[in-house]
Protein backbone atom coordinates (compact mmCIF):
# COMPACT_ATOMS: atom_id res chain seq x y z
CA MET A 1 -57.09 41.34 -303.47
CA ILE A 2 -58.70 45.16 -303.87
CA HIS A 3 -56.31 48.27 -304.63
CA TYR A 4 -58.13 51.38 -303.12
CA THR A 5 -56.23 54.01 -304.97
CA LEU A 6 -58.88 56.23 -303.56
CA LEU A 7 -57.69 55.72 -299.96
CA PRO A 8 -55.10 57.45 -298.30
CA GLU A 9 -51.73 55.28 -297.80
CA LYS A 10 -52.29 55.44 -293.81
CA GLU A 11 -55.79 53.91 -294.25
CA ILE A 12 -54.42 51.13 -296.57
CA LYS A 13 -51.72 50.45 -293.83
CA THR A 14 -54.63 51.05 -291.05
CA LEU A 15 -56.97 48.58 -293.22
CA LYS A 16 -54.30 45.30 -293.49
CA ARG A 17 -53.41 45.43 -290.24
CA GLU A 18 -57.43 45.10 -289.21
CA TYR A 19 -57.46 42.40 -291.51
CA ARG A 20 -54.62 40.63 -289.87
CA ILE A 21 -55.50 40.89 -287.22
CA ARG A 22 -59.17 39.40 -287.73
CA LEU A 23 -58.04 36.66 -289.17
CA ALA A 24 -55.36 35.73 -286.56
CA ILE A 25 -58.95 36.32 -284.24
CA PHE A 26 -60.60 33.59 -286.42
CA LEU A 27 -58.13 31.30 -287.03
CA LEU A 28 -57.35 31.42 -282.70
CA PHE A 29 -60.95 30.91 -282.72
CA PHE A 30 -61.14 28.09 -284.90
CA MET A 31 -58.39 26.22 -282.81
CA SER A 32 -59.65 26.67 -279.68
CA CYS A 33 -63.36 25.18 -281.08
CA ALA A 34 -61.27 21.98 -282.44
CA VAL A 35 -59.21 21.64 -279.00
CA PHE A 36 -62.91 21.84 -276.89
CA VAL A 37 -64.32 19.52 -279.60
CA GLY A 38 -60.97 16.99 -278.96
CA THR A 39 -61.60 17.28 -275.34
CA GLY A 40 -64.72 16.31 -275.42
CA SER A 41 -64.24 13.56 -278.10
CA LEU A 42 -62.06 11.98 -275.11
CA VAL A 43 -64.37 12.03 -272.38
CA PRO A 44 -65.97 9.23 -272.99
CA ALA A 45 -63.06 6.96 -273.29
CA TYR A 46 -61.86 8.63 -270.12
CA VAL A 47 -65.24 7.18 -268.34
CA PHE A 48 -64.77 3.49 -269.41
CA SER A 49 -60.81 2.88 -269.11
CA TYR A 50 -61.54 3.98 -265.58
CA SER A 51 -64.66 1.88 -265.48
CA GLN A 52 -62.35 -0.71 -266.42
CA GLU A 53 -59.69 -0.19 -264.00
CA LYS A 54 -62.72 -0.35 -261.35
CA GLU A 55 -63.76 -3.98 -262.86
CA THR A 56 -60.14 -5.16 -263.07
CA VAL A 57 -58.77 -3.71 -259.69
CA SER A 58 -62.15 -5.97 -258.05
CA ARG A 59 -61.57 -9.14 -259.82
CA LEU A 60 -57.75 -8.85 -258.90
CA GLU A 61 -58.54 -8.09 -255.85
CA SER A 62 -61.23 -10.72 -255.21
CA PHE A 63 -58.56 -13.51 -256.91
CA GLN A 64 -56.78 -13.03 -254.34
CA LYS A 65 -59.14 -12.79 -251.01
CA ASP A 66 -59.89 -16.35 -252.71
CA ARG A 67 -56.18 -17.67 -253.18
CA LYS A 68 -55.72 -16.97 -249.16
CA ASP A 69 -59.06 -18.45 -248.49
CA ARG A 70 -57.47 -21.27 -250.46
CA GLY A 71 -54.43 -21.66 -249.15
CA ILE A 72 -52.68 -21.41 -252.34
CA ASN A 73 -50.00 -18.33 -251.26
CA GLU A 74 -48.52 -20.83 -248.43
CA VAL A 75 -48.21 -23.45 -251.03
CA SER A 76 -46.80 -21.03 -253.42
CA LYS A 77 -44.14 -19.34 -250.83
CA SER A 78 -43.73 -23.37 -249.77
CA LEU A 79 -42.27 -24.40 -253.33
CA ASN A 80 -40.43 -21.27 -253.90
CA ASP A 81 -38.30 -22.51 -251.02
CA ILE A 82 -38.47 -25.68 -252.13
CA ASN A 83 -36.73 -24.36 -255.35
CA GLU A 84 -34.18 -22.12 -254.29
CA VAL A 85 -32.99 -24.52 -251.72
CA THR A 86 -32.77 -27.25 -254.68
CA LYS A 87 -31.28 -24.88 -256.55
CA ARG A 88 -28.41 -24.27 -254.17
CA ILE A 89 -27.88 -28.33 -254.17
CA LYS A 90 -27.72 -28.44 -257.67
CA ASP A 91 -25.24 -25.82 -257.89
CA TYR A 92 -23.12 -26.95 -254.96
CA LYS A 93 -21.18 -29.38 -256.86
CA ASN A 94 -17.24 -29.27 -255.03
CA SER A 95 -19.44 -30.50 -251.70
CA VAL A 96 -17.39 -32.17 -249.25
CA GLU A 97 -18.53 -35.04 -246.96
CA TYR A 98 -16.92 -33.30 -243.22
CA SER A 99 -18.48 -37.05 -242.38
CA LYS A 100 -15.32 -38.70 -243.55
CA ILE A 101 -12.83 -36.55 -242.85
CA ILE A 102 -13.79 -37.13 -239.39
CA SER A 103 -14.13 -40.38 -239.57
CA GLN A 104 -10.72 -40.53 -241.18
CA ILE A 105 -9.00 -38.54 -238.37
CA ILE A 106 -10.83 -40.68 -235.74
CA SER A 107 -9.49 -43.98 -237.30
CA HIS A 108 -5.85 -42.22 -236.20
CA LYS A 109 -6.75 -42.10 -232.49
CA SER A 110 -4.73 -44.04 -230.08
CA SER A 111 -5.68 -44.88 -226.44
CA GLY A 112 -4.64 -42.45 -224.66
CA LEU A 113 -5.99 -39.17 -226.40
CA SER A 114 -9.43 -38.22 -226.63
CA ILE A 115 -10.86 -35.93 -229.13
CA LYS A 116 -13.36 -32.91 -227.90
CA SER A 117 -13.85 -30.66 -230.71
CA PHE A 118 -13.25 -30.60 -234.49
CA SER A 119 -13.21 -27.05 -236.24
CA LEU A 120 -13.21 -28.07 -240.33
CA SER A 121 -12.97 -25.34 -242.97
CA ALA A 122 -12.78 -25.38 -247.07
CA SER A 123 -10.04 -22.94 -248.07
CA ASP A 124 -11.41 -20.19 -250.60
CA ASN A 125 -8.75 -20.16 -252.80
CA LYS A 126 -9.39 -21.37 -256.52
CA ALA A 127 -5.70 -22.63 -256.74
CA SER A 128 -5.87 -24.25 -253.77
CA SER A 129 -7.97 -27.25 -252.64
CA THR A 130 -7.26 -27.77 -249.10
CA ILE A 131 -10.04 -28.27 -246.34
CA ASN A 132 -8.44 -26.71 -242.59
CA VAL A 133 -9.13 -29.02 -239.87
CA VAL A 134 -8.73 -27.78 -236.18
CA VAL A 135 -8.74 -31.13 -233.74
CA SER A 136 -8.47 -29.91 -229.83
CA GLY A 137 -8.53 -32.51 -227.08
CA LYS A 138 -6.25 -34.45 -224.14
CA ALA A 139 -3.69 -36.51 -224.59
CA SER A 140 -2.77 -38.39 -221.44
CA THR A 141 1.06 -38.76 -222.55
CA ARG A 142 3.37 -37.05 -224.63
CA ASP A 143 4.07 -39.81 -227.04
CA ALA A 144 0.11 -40.70 -227.56
CA LEU A 145 -0.21 -37.35 -228.86
CA ILE A 146 3.47 -37.41 -231.47
CA SER A 147 2.66 -41.06 -232.30
CA PHE A 148 -1.36 -39.05 -233.28
CA LYS A 149 0.50 -36.70 -235.17
CA ASN A 150 2.66 -38.98 -237.24
CA LYS A 151 0.26 -41.27 -238.23
CA LEU A 152 -1.76 -38.19 -239.33
CA GLU A 153 1.39 -37.35 -241.33
CA SER A 154 1.58 -40.56 -242.73
CA ASP A 155 -1.95 -40.78 -244.44
CA PRO A 156 -1.65 -40.04 -248.41
CA LEU A 157 -4.60 -37.26 -247.82
CA VAL A 158 -3.20 -35.34 -245.07
CA ILE A 159 -1.11 -32.42 -246.45
CA GLY A 160 0.48 -31.07 -243.38
CA VAL A 161 -0.55 -31.42 -239.78
CA GLU A 162 0.76 -28.23 -237.44
CA MET A 163 1.56 -29.22 -233.30
CA PRO A 164 2.32 -25.70 -231.73
CA VAL A 165 5.19 -26.49 -229.48
CA SER A 166 2.53 -25.21 -226.11
CA ASN A 167 1.96 -29.23 -226.79
CA LEU A 168 4.71 -30.81 -225.78
CA THR A 169 5.80 -28.53 -222.80
CA LYS A 170 4.16 -31.30 -220.03
CA SER A 171 4.48 -34.72 -220.03
CA LYS A 172 0.92 -35.62 -219.36
CA ASP A 173 -2.37 -34.89 -218.98
CA ILE A 174 -1.83 -32.18 -222.45
CA LEU A 175 -4.42 -30.01 -223.51
CA TYR A 176 -3.74 -30.42 -227.42
CA SER A 177 -4.17 -27.96 -230.63
CA LEU A 178 -3.75 -29.74 -234.38
CA LYS A 179 -4.29 -27.89 -237.09
CA ILE A 180 -4.42 -30.58 -240.13
CA PHE A 181 -4.53 -29.90 -243.91
CA ILE A 182 -6.07 -32.61 -246.13
CA ASP A 183 -6.55 -32.66 -249.49
CA GLN A 184 -9.68 -32.21 -250.99
CA ILE A 185 -10.04 -34.97 -253.33
CA LEU A 186 -11.56 -37.67 -251.69
């Protein structure tokens, strides 16, 4: 840098400050030109991607319309439903055949006893594997009801039978309800 020895100190400081200002202005101008050129070079890429997006959206709409016209959506939905049901059936390993339990209970029924309803429920407890059965009906005599209870208790798969004392208050035409606990291993 040339040293101006003939200039006073104050003028030298003013010249240095003006030089720095001009240098900053030049750098800012150069940076703004670079930003403008960079932005301008991105415009073709933006236009290309915008046109590609429009084309893809139109293809997707035509594909969906074509699927709808062919009925593929309904078939796909049906297949998904079938797959879901099949998966549930495969995953359900501890299935209980309630029909066997009902026929087993009916086999112990004697004459003079009618069964009106069954209510079966498997226990949710992992430690216990029992099925709770509530049998309701009408017995013609107290002896027929007690005989039915004793036959159920003699069954090896029956864990227990609960009969409310109120079932034995009448001697004839008894409306009864028995709670039977059956081992789930059938």
